[in-house]
């Protein structure tokens, strides 16, 4: 039974791993797509990968190492970063022989390489998140002054009661 479960898990993980749009990491909603792309590029360069921007907010990242021609294409959707593991061939014995290229075996990028790139990307995303200004709470005195001003406008009949209530609710939400 354990063997059957192991084979099932291995098959499902392998299929998931080779699929398009593999989840890579989360992109904070506070960051722009441009910042996320920059974080990925910075991480790739740091790990000695070669990043190239493509159209439609996609980034191609390549690494030629130990006989692997690793080629990943990253896309940014919502708050997630996804990648497609494009064909990675082991070219060690094939050189430019066209007949041998037909026998190349499709191999996914080594997981530890992708994991290291992911950790580095998350580190760079955190750096960009720290640069995003946080929403500051309005001080008690500022709230009080705004409410007094709003009340005066209402008393002087410069705004309607519904406008007064709406604006008051808006000011109170900042406190």
Protein backbone atom coordinates (compact mmCIF):
# COMPACT_ATOMS: atom_id res chain seq x y z
CA UNK A 1 0.00 0.00 0.00
CA UNK A 2 2.85 2.39 0.87
CA UNK A 3 4.42 1.72 -2.50
CA UNK A 4 1.15 2.53 -4.25
CA UNK A 5 0.75 5.79 -2.30
CA UNK A 6 4.39 6.72 -2.99
CA UNK A 7 3.96 6.10 -6.70
CA UNK A 8 0.73 8.13 -6.74
CA UNK A 9 2.36 11.08 -4.95
CA UNK A 10 5.45 10.94 -7.17
CA UNK A 11 3.32 10.93 -10.32
CA UNK A 12 1.12 13.82 -9.13
CA UNK A 13 4.07 15.91 -7.99
CA UNK A 14 5.90 15.27 -11.26
CA UNK A 15 2.87 16.25 -13.32
CA UNK A 16 2.33 19.38 -11.21
CA UNK A 17 5.99 20.28 -11.43
CA UNK A 18 6.08 20.04 -15.21
CA UNK A 19 2.84 21.97 -15.71
CA UNK A 20 2.44 25.54 -16.89
CA UNK A 21 1.84 28.28 -14.35
CA UNK A 22 3.52 26.70 -11.34
CA UNK A 23 3.04 28.81 -8.21
CA UNK A 24 6.35 30.44 -7.24
CA UNK A 25 5.63 32.93 -4.46
CA UNK A 26 3.27 35.64 -3.25
CA UNK A 27 3.42 39.25 -4.40
CA UNK A 28 2.25 41.70 -1.77
CA UNK A 29 -0.74 43.79 -2.91
CA UNK A 30 1.25 46.82 -1.73
CA UNK A 31 3.85 46.25 -4.45
CA UNK A 32 3.47 47.13 -8.09
CA UNK A 33 4.11 44.60 -10.83
CA UNK A 34 7.19 46.66 -11.75
CA UNK A 35 8.61 46.28 -8.22
CA UNK A 36 7.94 42.52 -8.26
CA UNK A 37 9.66 42.20 -11.63
CA UNK A 38 12.64 44.18 -10.34
CA UNK A 39 12.82 41.97 -7.25
CA UNK A 40 12.85 38.83 -9.42
CA UNK A 41 15.50 40.29 -11.73
CA UNK A 42 17.69 41.33 -8.78
CA UNK A 43 17.37 37.87 -7.25
CA UNK A 44 18.14 36.14 -10.55
CA UNK A 45 21.26 38.24 -11.10
CA UNK A 46 22.41 37.58 -7.54
CA UNK A 47 22.04 33.81 -8.13
CA UNK A 48 23.92 34.18 -11.48
CA UNK A 49 20.83 33.54 -13.64
CA UNK A 50 20.23 35.69 -16.72
CA UNK A 51 16.91 37.57 -16.58
CA UNK A 52 15.28 39.10 -19.65
CA UNK A 53 12.07 41.13 -19.68
CA UNK A 54 9.50 40.00 -22.18
CA UNK A 55 6.21 41.64 -23.11
CA UNK A 56 3.03 41.44 -21.02
CA UNK A 57 4.82 41.63 -17.66
CA UNK A 58 6.73 38.40 -18.08
CA UNK A 59 10.35 37.69 -17.28
CA UNK A 60 12.48 34.97 -18.80
CA UNK A 61 15.22 33.61 -16.55
CA UNK A 62 17.95 31.29 -17.84
CA UNK A 63 20.84 29.41 -16.31
CA UNK A 64 23.35 27.27 -18.19
CA UNK A 65 25.07 25.11 -15.60
CA UNK A 66 26.19 21.48 -15.17
CA UNK A 67 24.81 20.42 -18.53
CA UNK A 68 21.40 21.99 -17.90
CA UNK A 69 19.94 24.71 -20.06
CA UNK A 70 17.41 25.89 -17.51
CA UNK A 71 14.75 28.20 -18.92
CA UNK A 72 11.94 29.56 -16.72
CA UNK A 73 9.33 32.14 -17.73
CA UNK A 74 7.70 34.07 -14.87
CA UNK A 75 4.33 35.78 -14.98
CA UNK A 76 2.58 37.97 -12.43
CA UNK A 77 -1.11 37.41 -11.79
CA UNK A 78 -3.07 39.02 -8.96
CA UNK A 79 -0.98 38.59 -5.84
CA UNK A 80 0.95 35.60 -7.13
CA UNK A 81 4.09 34.99 -9.13
CA UNK A 82 3.98 31.91 -11.35
CA UNK A 83 6.48 30.27 -13.64
CA UNK A 84 6.54 27.90 -16.55
CA UNK A 85 9.45 25.50 -16.72
CA UNK A 86 10.24 25.46 -20.41
CA UNK A 87 12.17 22.63 -21.89
CA UNK A 88 15.45 21.98 -20.18
CA UNK A 89 17.79 19.65 -22.00
CA UNK A 90 20.91 17.87 -20.90
CA UNK A 91 23.25 18.74 -23.78
CA UNK A 92 26.39 17.13 -22.42
CA UNK A 93 26.73 14.47 -25.10
CA UNK A 94 24.83 15.96 -28.02
CA UNK A 95 26.76 19.00 -29.28
CA UNK A 96 25.20 20.11 -32.60
CA UNK A 97 24.18 16.69 -33.90
CA UNK A 98 20.63 17.25 -35.21
CA UNK A 99 19.71 13.54 -35.03
CA UNK A 100 20.73 13.38 -31.37
CA UNK A 101 18.63 16.46 -30.52
CA UNK A 102 15.51 14.44 -31.34
CA UNK A 103 16.43 12.13 -28.45
CA UNK A 104 16.83 14.86 -25.86
CA UNK A 105 14.91 14.21 -22.68
CA UNK A 106 12.78 16.96 -21.20
CA UNK A 107 14.04 17.63 -17.69
CA UNK A 108 12.59 20.09 -15.17
CA UNK A 109 14.91 22.60 -13.55
CA UNK A 110 16.52 21.16 -10.42
CA UNK A 111 14.25 21.97 -7.49
CA UNK A 112 17.06 23.22 -5.27
CA UNK A 113 17.97 25.81 -7.92
CA UNK A 114 14.37 27.01 -8.11
CA UNK A 115 14.12 26.99 -4.29
CA UNK A 116 17.25 29.12 -3.94
CA UNK A 117 15.93 31.55 -6.56
CA UNK A 118 12.62 31.66 -4.69
CA UNK A 119 14.29 32.45 -1.35
CA UNK A 120 16.37 35.18 -2.94
CA UNK A 121 13.30 36.63 -4.70
CA UNK A 122 11.34 36.67 -1.43
CA UNK A 123 14.24 38.49 0.23
CA UNK A 124 14.19 41.14 -2.51
CA UNK A 125 10.37 41.41 -2.37
CA UNK A 126 10.70 42.06 1.37
CA UNK A 127 13.23 44.80 0.63
CA UNK A 128 10.76 46.46 -1.76
CA UNK A 129 7.91 46.05 0.78
CA UNK A 130 9.98 47.90 3.36
CA UNK A 131 10.21 50.86 0.97
CA UNK A 132 6.42 51.14 0.61
CA UNK A 133 5.13 53.86 2.95
CA UNK A 134 2.68 52.51 5.48
CA UNK A 135 -0.63 54.23 6.04
CA UNK A 136 -0.20 56.39 9.11
CA UNK A 137 -2.96 56.80 11.63
CA UNK A 138 -4.24 60.32 12.06
CA UNK A 139 -3.55 61.77 15.48
CA UNK A 140 -6.34 62.41 17.97
CA UNK A 141 -5.87 66.19 17.70
CA UNK A 142 -6.11 66.12 13.88
CA UNK A 143 -9.31 64.07 14.03
CA UNK A 144 -10.83 66.45 16.58
CA UNK A 145 -9.93 69.50 14.48
CA UNK A 146 -11.41 67.96 11.33
CA UNK A 147 -14.62 66.99 13.13
CA UNK A 148 -14.99 70.50 14.60
CA UNK A 149 -14.45 72.01 11.15
CA UNK A 150 -16.96 69.60 9.61
CA UNK A 151 -19.54 70.37 12.34
CA UNK A 152 -19.08 74.11 11.74
CA UNK A 153 -19.69 73.60 8.01
CA UNK A 154 -22.87 71.67 8.81
CA UNK A 155 -24.06 74.28 11.34
CA UNK A 156 -23.45 77.05 8.78
CA UNK A 157 -25.54 74.97 6.33
CA UNK A 158 -22.68 74.64 3.84
CA UNK A 159 -23.24 70.88 3.60
CA UNK A 160 -26.29 68.64 3.95
CA UNK A 161 -26.85 66.24 6.85
CA UNK A 162 -26.14 63.22 4.63
CA UNK A 163 -22.86 64.80 3.45
CA UNK A 164 -22.01 65.60 7.07
CA UNK A 165 -22.68 61.99 8.19
CA UNK A 166 -20.74 60.54 5.26
CA UNK A 167 -17.71 62.78 5.83
CA UNK A 168 -17.82 62.19 9.59
CA UNK A 169 -17.79 58.43 9.01
CA UNK A 170 -14.86 58.83 6.61
CA UNK A 171 -12.86 60.87 9.14
CA UNK A 172 -13.60 58.46 11.97
CA UNK A 173 -12.39 55.49 9.88
CA UNK A 174 -8.88 57.00 9.89
CA UNK A 175 -8.72 56.94 13.68
